[in-house]
Amino acid sequence: MKRTQSGMTLIGFILVLAVVGVFIYMGMKLIPMYSEYFAVKQALKELSKEAGITQQDPAKIKDLFFRRLYISYAENVKSENVKIARKDAGYVMTVDYEVRRPLIANIDVVGHFQATQDLRRDGFE
């Protein structure tokens, strides 16, 4: 009775490692972008819960928002990306920004992120 070996060849193993390596590399580029986006959403949510936020002027609201982002090391959101509009008894705050990261050689990955939060009296929506 002849026994045959079964399993992965060295070339097959190297190809699998290459594919896994590419996905890990892409994840290292994409995860910080999404982490920053979730920090923006969290800052907006915390801002909406702050007492008396609707009595503040838009410049003060932006300042409070950017203070929260500073703690999270979110550096891609600029002042021109934040819009505050009056709505009913409060404000609507929209953060719309784009992040571009180099991926491989001359290929970039671009992420476009938008988050909106109602800022109402006493934090109620």
Protein backbone atom coordinates (compact mmCIF):
# COMPACT_ATOMS: atom_id res chain seq x y z
CA MET A 1 0.00 0.00 0.00
CA LYS A 2 1.48 3.29 -1.12
CA ARG A 3 1.03 6.39 1.05
CA THR A 4 0.75 9.75 -0.68
CA GLN A 5 1.47 13.00 0.99
CA SER A 6 -1.19 15.64 1.06
CA GLY A 7 -0.97 19.25 2.07
CA MET A 8 0.08 22.62 0.86
CA THR A 9 3.17 23.14 -1.25
CA LEU A 10 5.71 25.81 -0.45
CA ILE A 11 4.58 27.96 -3.39
CA GLY A 12 0.95 27.62 -2.31
CA PHE A 13 1.89 28.63 1.22
CA ILE A 14 3.79 31.68 -0.05
CA LEU A 15 0.79 32.73 -2.18
CA VAL A 16 -1.55 32.42 0.79
CA LEU A 17 0.85 34.49 2.91
CA ALA A 18 1.03 37.15 0.18
CA VAL A 19 -2.77 37.44 -0.04
CA VAL A 20 -3.13 37.58 3.74
CA GLY A 21 -0.34 40.17 3.89
CA VAL A 22 -2.09 42.41 1.36
CA PHE A 23 -5.33 42.28 3.36
CA ILE A 24 -3.50 43.05 6.61
CA TYR A 25 -1.72 45.98 4.94
CA MET A 26 -5.03 47.34 3.61
CA GLY A 27 -6.55 46.96 7.06
CA MET A 28 -3.70 48.96 8.55
CA LYS A 29 -4.58 51.80 6.16
CA LEU A 30 -8.38 51.59 6.52
CA ILE A 31 -8.90 50.95 10.23
CA PRO A 32 -7.54 54.35 11.40
CA MET A 33 -9.87 56.12 8.94
CA TYR A 34 -12.93 54.34 10.33
CA SER A 35 -11.69 54.73 13.90
CA GLU A 36 -11.57 58.49 13.35
CA TYR A 37 -15.08 58.43 11.86
CA PHE A 38 -16.43 56.64 14.93
CA ALA A 39 -14.68 59.23 17.13
CA VAL A 40 -16.48 61.98 15.18
CA LYS A 41 -19.83 60.23 15.67
CA GLN A 42 -19.12 59.78 19.38
CA ALA A 43 -18.17 63.45 19.78
CA LEU A 44 -21.42 64.48 18.06
CA LYS A 45 -23.46 62.19 20.30
CA GLU A 46 -21.79 63.51 23.46
CA LEU A 47 -22.29 67.08 22.29
CA SER A 48 -26.02 66.47 21.79
CA LYS A 49 -26.32 65.28 25.40
CA GLU A 50 -24.66 68.37 26.85
CA ALA A 51 -27.04 70.51 28.87
CA GLY A 52 -27.86 73.92 27.40
CA ILE A 53 -26.21 73.26 24.06
CA THR A 54 -28.97 75.05 22.13
CA GLN A 55 -28.32 78.26 24.07
CA GLN A 56 -24.73 78.36 22.78
CA ASP A 57 -23.75 80.19 19.62
CA PRO A 58 -22.47 78.08 16.67
CA ALA A 59 -18.84 79.15 17.20
CA LYS A 60 -18.92 77.89 20.80
CA ILE A 61 -20.55 74.61 19.67
CA LYS A 62 -17.78 74.11 17.08
CA ASP A 63 -15.17 74.79 19.75
CA LEU A 64 -16.72 72.20 22.08
CA PHE A 65 -16.85 69.69 19.20
CA PHE A 66 -13.20 70.19 18.25
CA ARG A 67 -12.13 69.88 21.89
CA ARG A 68 -13.72 66.44 21.94
CA LEU A 69 -12.01 65.52 18.66
CA TYR A 70 -8.64 66.70 19.97
CA ILE A 71 -8.86 64.12 22.73
CA SER A 72 -9.45 61.38 20.13
CA TYR A 73 -6.53 62.47 17.92
CA ALA A 74 -8.89 63.08 14.98
CA GLU A 75 -6.83 65.27 12.68
CA ASN A 76 -8.62 65.04 9.32
CA VAL A 77 -11.71 67.04 10.28
CA LYS A 78 -11.20 70.74 9.67
CA SER A 79 -13.39 73.69 10.60
CA GLU A 80 -14.67 74.06 7.03
CA ASN A 81 -15.98 70.47 7.18
CA VAL A 82 -18.40 71.30 10.01
CA LYS A 83 -21.75 72.98 9.26
CA ILE A 84 -24.23 74.08 11.88
CA ALA A 85 -27.75 75.07 10.82
CA ARG A 86 -30.67 76.25 12.91
CA LYS A 87 -33.57 73.77 13.04
CA ASP A 88 -36.73 74.17 15.10
CA ALA A 89 -35.66 74.71 18.73
CA GLY A 90 -32.07 73.62 18.20
CA TYR A 91 -29.38 72.99 15.61
CA VAL A 92 -28.40 70.36 13.09
CA MET A 93 -24.69 69.72 12.99
CA THR A 94 -23.20 68.05 9.91
CA VAL A 95 -19.62 66.87 9.57
CA ASP A 96 -18.68 66.01 5.97
CA TYR A 97 -15.03 65.22 5.25
CA GLU A 98 -12.76 63.14 3.05
CA VAL A 99 -9.63 61.20 3.92
CA ARG A 100 -7.06 60.18 1.32
CA ARG A 101 -4.30 57.71 2.18
CA PRO A 102 -1.62 56.28 -0.12
CA LEU A 103 -2.08 52.54 -0.51
CA ILE A 104 0.48 51.05 -2.89
CA ALA A 105 2.72 53.08 -5.25
CA ASN A 106 0.44 55.62 -6.97
CA ILE A 107 -2.83 54.04 -5.77
CA ASP A 108 -4.69 55.90 -3.05
CA VAL A 109 -7.64 54.87 -0.95
CA VAL A 110 -10.23 57.61 -0.42
CA GLY A 111 -12.82 57.58 2.33
CA HIS A 112 -15.74 60.02 2.30
CA PHE A 113 -17.45 60.31 5.67
CA GLN A 114 -20.57 62.18 6.71
CA ALA A 115 -22.22 62.34 10.13
CA THR A 116 -25.26 64.37 11.17
CA GLN A 117 -26.59 65.04 14.67
CA ASP A 118 -29.60 66.98 15.94
CA LEU A 119 -28.77 69.26 18.84
CA ARG A 120 -32.01 69.90 20.65
CA ARG A 121 -32.99 71.52 23.90
CA ASP A 122 -31.89 69.50 26.96
CA GLY A 123 -30.36 66.84 24.66
CA PHE A 124 -33.72 65.40 23.62
CA GLU A 125 -34.22 64.38 20.00
